[in-house]
Amino acid sequence: MELQAIKLELIKLLLETDEKSILEKVRKLLSTQKNGAKSVEDAVGYQPDGSPITKEQLLKRIEESEEAIRKGEVISMEDLMKESENW
């Protein structure tokens, strides 16, 4: 089956389903590729919006967080709790 035919068949199947769980799985699979992962297995986690996080992205976030800690750009949990009381 040619690529265009596969795409059209998938679109038709997606439009015909009302199963949210299936649609979420398809979305997760496709967003994994879009965000740099070669496959679902390449994703080491997912963000709140369901988009995947690759190992490289996670390591970069860790480095950025460690740098923020070194610079003192952090807040203690106790201070955060006090601050959140005023929200």
N, C-alpha and C. Protein backbone atom coordinates (compact mmCIF):
# COMPACT_ATOMS: atom_id res chain seq x y z
N MET A 1 0.85 -1.19 0.00
CA MET A 1 0.00 0.00 0.00
C MET A 1 0.89 1.24 0.00
N GLU A 2 0.56 2.20 -0.84
CA GLU A 2 1.35 3.42 -0.92
C GLU A 2 1.10 4.31 0.29
N LEU A 3 2.06 5.18 0.54
CA LEU A 3 2.02 6.06 1.70
C LEU A 3 0.74 6.89 1.75
N GLN A 4 0.36 7.52 0.65
CA GLN A 4 -0.84 8.34 0.63
C GLN A 4 -2.09 7.52 0.94
N ALA A 5 -2.16 6.31 0.43
CA ALA A 5 -3.31 5.45 0.69
C ALA A 5 -3.38 5.08 2.17
N ILE A 6 -2.23 4.83 2.77
CA ILE A 6 -2.19 4.50 4.20
C ILE A 6 -2.67 5.70 5.02
N LYS A 7 -2.19 6.88 4.67
CA LYS A 7 -2.61 8.10 5.38
C LYS A 7 -4.12 8.30 5.29
N LEU A 8 -4.66 8.13 4.09
CA LEU A 8 -6.10 8.31 3.91
C LEU A 8 -6.90 7.27 4.69
N GLU A 9 -6.41 6.05 4.71
CA GLU A 9 -7.09 5.00 5.48
C GLU A 9 -7.06 5.32 6.97
N LEU A 10 -5.92 5.80 7.45
CA LEU A 10 -5.82 6.18 8.87
C LEU A 10 -6.75 7.32 9.21
N ILE A 11 -6.81 8.31 8.34
CA ILE A 11 -7.71 9.45 8.58
C ILE A 11 -9.15 8.95 8.66
N LYS A 12 -9.52 8.10 7.75
CA LYS A 12 -10.88 7.55 7.76
C LYS A 12 -11.16 6.80 9.06
N LEU A 13 -10.22 5.96 9.47
CA LEU A 13 -10.40 5.19 10.71
C LEU A 13 -10.47 6.10 11.93
N LEU A 14 -9.65 7.14 11.95
CA LEU A 14 -9.67 8.08 13.07
C LEU A 14 -11.00 8.82 13.15
N LEU A 15 -11.51 9.22 12.01
CA LEU A 15 -12.78 9.93 11.99
C LEU A 15 -13.95 9.03 12.42
N GLU A 16 -13.81 7.75 12.20
CA GLU A 16 -14.90 6.82 12.52
C GLU A 16 -14.91 6.37 13.97
N THR A 17 -13.81 6.55 14.69
CA THR A 17 -13.77 6.04 16.07
C THR A 17 -14.18 7.10 17.08
N ASP A 18 -14.86 6.63 18.10
CA ASP A 18 -15.22 7.48 19.23
C ASP A 18 -14.51 7.02 20.49
N GLU A 19 -13.56 6.11 20.34
CA GLU A 19 -12.81 5.58 21.47
C GLU A 19 -11.67 6.52 21.83
N LYS A 20 -11.85 7.27 22.91
CA LYS A 20 -10.84 8.25 23.31
C LYS A 20 -9.50 7.59 23.59
N SER A 21 -9.50 6.41 24.19
CA SER A 21 -8.24 5.74 24.53
C SER A 21 -7.43 5.41 23.26
N ILE A 22 -8.11 5.02 22.21
CA ILE A 22 -7.42 4.73 20.95
C ILE A 22 -6.84 6.01 20.37
N LEU A 23 -7.62 7.07 20.37
CA LEU A 23 -7.14 8.34 19.84
C LEU A 23 -5.95 8.87 20.63
N GLU A 24 -5.99 8.71 21.96
CA GLU A 24 -4.87 9.14 22.80
C GLU A 24 -3.60 8.34 22.47
N LYS A 25 -3.74 7.06 22.24
CA LYS A 25 -2.58 6.22 21.90
C LYS A 25 -1.98 6.64 20.57
N VAL A 26 -2.83 6.90 19.60
CA VAL A 26 -2.35 7.34 18.28
C VAL A 26 -1.65 8.69 18.42
N ARG A 27 -2.25 9.59 19.18
CA ARG A 27 -1.65 10.92 19.40
C ARG A 27 -0.29 10.79 20.06
N LYS A 28 -0.21 9.95 21.07
CA LYS A 28 1.06 9.75 21.77
C LYS A 28 2.12 9.18 20.83
N LEU A 29 1.73 8.22 20.04
CA LEU A 29 2.66 7.60 19.10
C LEU A 29 3.18 8.62 18.08
N LEU A 30 2.27 9.40 17.50
CA LEU A 30 2.67 10.37 16.50
C LEU A 30 3.45 11.54 17.10
N SER A 31 3.09 11.98 18.30
CA SER A 31 3.83 13.09 18.91
C SER A 31 5.21 12.64 19.35
N THR A 32 5.38 11.35 19.62
CA THR A 32 6.70 10.83 19.96
C THR A 32 7.66 11.07 18.82
N GLN A 33 7.25 10.74 17.62
CA GLN A 33 8.09 10.93 16.44
C GLN A 33 8.32 12.41 16.19
N LYS A 34 7.29 13.20 16.33
CA LYS A 34 7.39 14.65 16.07
C LYS A 34 8.39 15.32 17.00
N ASN A 35 8.50 14.83 18.23
CA ASN A 35 9.38 15.45 19.22
C ASN A 35 10.78 14.84 19.26
N GLY A 36 11.16 14.11 18.24
CA GLY A 36 12.54 13.66 18.13
C GLY A 36 12.81 12.23 18.52
N ALA A 37 11.84 11.54 19.06
CA ALA A 37 12.05 10.14 19.41
C ALA A 37 11.86 9.29 18.16
N LYS A 38 12.68 8.29 18.01
CA LYS A 38 12.57 7.40 16.84
C LYS A 38 11.39 6.45 16.98
N SER A 39 11.04 6.13 18.22
CA SER A 39 9.91 5.24 18.48
C SER A 39 9.40 5.53 19.89
N VAL A 40 8.29 4.92 20.24
CA VAL A 40 7.74 5.09 21.58
C VAL A 40 8.76 4.64 22.62
N GLU A 41 9.55 3.64 22.28
CA GLU A 41 10.54 3.12 23.21
C GLU A 41 11.64 4.15 23.50
N ASP A 42 11.87 5.09 22.58
CA ASP A 42 12.87 6.13 22.79
C ASP A 42 12.42 7.16 23.83
N ALA A 43 11.14 7.25 24.07
CA ALA A 43 10.64 8.20 25.05
C ALA A 43 10.90 7.65 26.45
N VAL A 44 11.49 8.51 27.31
CA VAL A 44 11.76 8.09 28.69
C VAL A 44 10.71 8.63 29.65
N GLY A 45 9.82 9.45 29.12
CA GLY A 45 8.75 10.00 29.94
C GLY A 45 7.85 10.86 29.07
N TYR A 46 6.84 11.42 29.70
CA TYR A 46 5.89 12.25 28.97
C TYR A 46 5.58 13.50 29.77
N GLN A 47 5.40 14.59 29.05
CA GLN A 47 5.02 15.84 29.67
C GLN A 47 3.53 15.83 29.96
N PRO A 48 3.04 16.79 30.76
CA PRO A 48 1.61 16.81 31.09
C PRO A 48 0.69 16.84 29.87
N ASP A 49 1.15 17.42 28.77
CA ASP A 49 0.30 17.47 27.58
C ASP A 49 0.35 16.18 26.77
N GLY A 50 1.11 15.19 27.25
CA GLY A 50 1.19 13.90 26.57
C GLY A 50 2.34 13.78 25.60
N SER A 51 3.04 14.87 25.35
CA SER A 51 4.17 14.79 24.42
C SER A 51 5.35 14.10 25.11
N PRO A 52 6.11 13.33 24.35
CA PRO A 52 7.19 12.54 24.93
C PRO A 52 8.42 13.38 25.26
N ILE A 53 9.23 12.84 26.15
CA ILE A 53 10.52 13.41 26.48
C ILE A 53 11.57 12.36 26.14
N THR A 54 12.52 12.72 25.30
CA THR A 54 13.59 11.79 24.95
C THR A 54 14.67 11.85 26.03
N LYS A 55 15.55 10.89 25.99
CA LYS A 55 16.65 10.83 26.95
C LYS A 55 17.49 12.10 26.88
N GLU A 56 17.77 12.54 25.66
CA GLU A 56 18.57 13.75 25.47
C GLU A 56 17.89 14.97 26.06
N GLN A 57 16.58 15.10 25.85
CA GLN A 57 15.83 16.23 26.40
C GLN A 57 15.83 16.18 27.93
N LEU A 58 15.68 14.99 28.48
CA LEU A 58 15.68 14.84 29.93
C LEU A 58 17.03 15.22 30.51
N LEU A 59 18.11 14.75 29.89
CA LEU A 59 19.45 15.09 30.38
C LEU A 59 19.70 16.60 30.32
N LYS A 60 19.21 17.25 29.27
CA LYS A 60 19.36 18.70 29.15
C LYS A 60 18.60 19.41 30.27
N ARG A 61 17.39 18.93 30.57
CA ARG A 61 16.61 19.53 31.67
C ARG A 61 17.32 19.34 33.00
N ILE A 62 17.93 18.18 33.19
CA ILE A 62 18.67 17.92 34.43
C ILE A 62 19.83 18.89 34.56
N GLU A 63 20.59 19.06 33.47
CA GLU A 63 21.72 20.00 33.48
C GLU A 63 21.26 21.41 33.80
N GLU A 64 20.16 21.84 33.18
CA GLU A 64 19.62 23.18 33.43
C GLU A 64 19.18 23.33 34.89
N SER A 65 18.59 22.30 35.44
CA SER A 65 18.15 22.33 36.83
C SER A 65 19.34 22.39 37.79
N GLU A 66 20.37 21.61 37.49
CA GLU A 66 21.56 21.63 38.33
C GLU A 66 22.24 22.99 38.28
N GLU A 67 22.25 23.62 37.12
CA GLU A 67 22.83 24.96 36.99
C GLU A 67 22.02 25.97 37.80
N ALA A 68 20.71 25.86 37.77
CA ALA A 68 19.85 26.76 38.56
C ALA A 68 20.12 26.58 40.05
N ILE A 69 20.34 25.36 40.47
CA ILE A 69 20.66 25.09 41.88
C ILE A 69 21.99 25.74 42.25
N ARG A 70 23.00 25.58 41.38
CA ARG A 70 24.31 26.18 41.64
C ARG A 70 24.22 27.71 41.75
N LYS A 71 23.33 28.30 40.95
CA LYS A 71 23.17 29.76 40.96
C LYS A 71 22.26 30.24 42.09
N GLY A 72 21.68 29.31 42.81
CA GLY A 72 20.78 29.68 43.90
C GLY A 72 19.40 30.10 43.43
N GLU A 73 19.03 29.73 42.22
CA GLU A 73 17.73 30.09 41.66
C GLU A 73 16.68 29.05 42.03
N VAL A 74 16.56 28.80 43.31
CA VAL A 74 15.63 27.79 43.81
C VAL A 74 14.85 28.36 45.00
N ILE A 75 13.84 27.66 45.37
CA ILE A 75 13.05 28.02 46.55
C ILE A 75 12.80 26.74 47.33
N SER A 76 12.90 26.84 48.64
CA SER A 76 12.68 25.64 49.46
C SER A 76 11.20 25.28 49.46
N MET A 77 10.92 24.04 49.75
CA MET A 77 9.52 23.58 49.79
C MET A 77 8.76 24.34 50.87
N GLU A 78 9.41 24.59 51.98
CA GLU A 78 8.77 25.33 53.08
C GLU A 78 8.39 26.74 52.62
N ASP A 79 9.32 27.43 51.96
CA ASP A 79 9.03 28.78 51.46
C ASP A 79 7.94 28.76 50.39
N LEU A 80 7.97 27.75 49.56
CA LEU A 80 6.94 27.62 48.53
C LEU A 80 5.56 27.43 49.16
N MET A 81 5.49 26.61 50.18
CA MET A 81 4.21 26.38 50.87
C MET A 81 3.69 27.68 51.49
N LYS A 82 4.60 28.44 52.12
CA LYS A 82 4.20 29.71 52.72
C LYS A 82 3.71 30.68 51.64
N GLU A 83 4.45 30.73 50.54
CA GLU A 83 4.10 31.64 49.45
C GLU A 83 2.75 31.25 48.84
N SER A 84 2.51 29.96 48.71
CA SER A 84 1.26 29.49 48.06
C SER A 84 0.04 29.80 48.91
N GLU A 85 0.22 30.03 50.19
CA GLU A 85 -0.93 30.38 51.04
C GLU A 85 -1.55 31.71 50.62
N ASN A 86 -0.76 32.55 49.95
CA ASN A 86 -1.24 33.88 49.55
C ASN A 86 -1.80 33.90 48.12
N TRP A 87 -1.87 32.78 47.48
CA TRP A 87 -2.36 32.74 46.10
C TRP A 87 -3.86 32.80 46.04
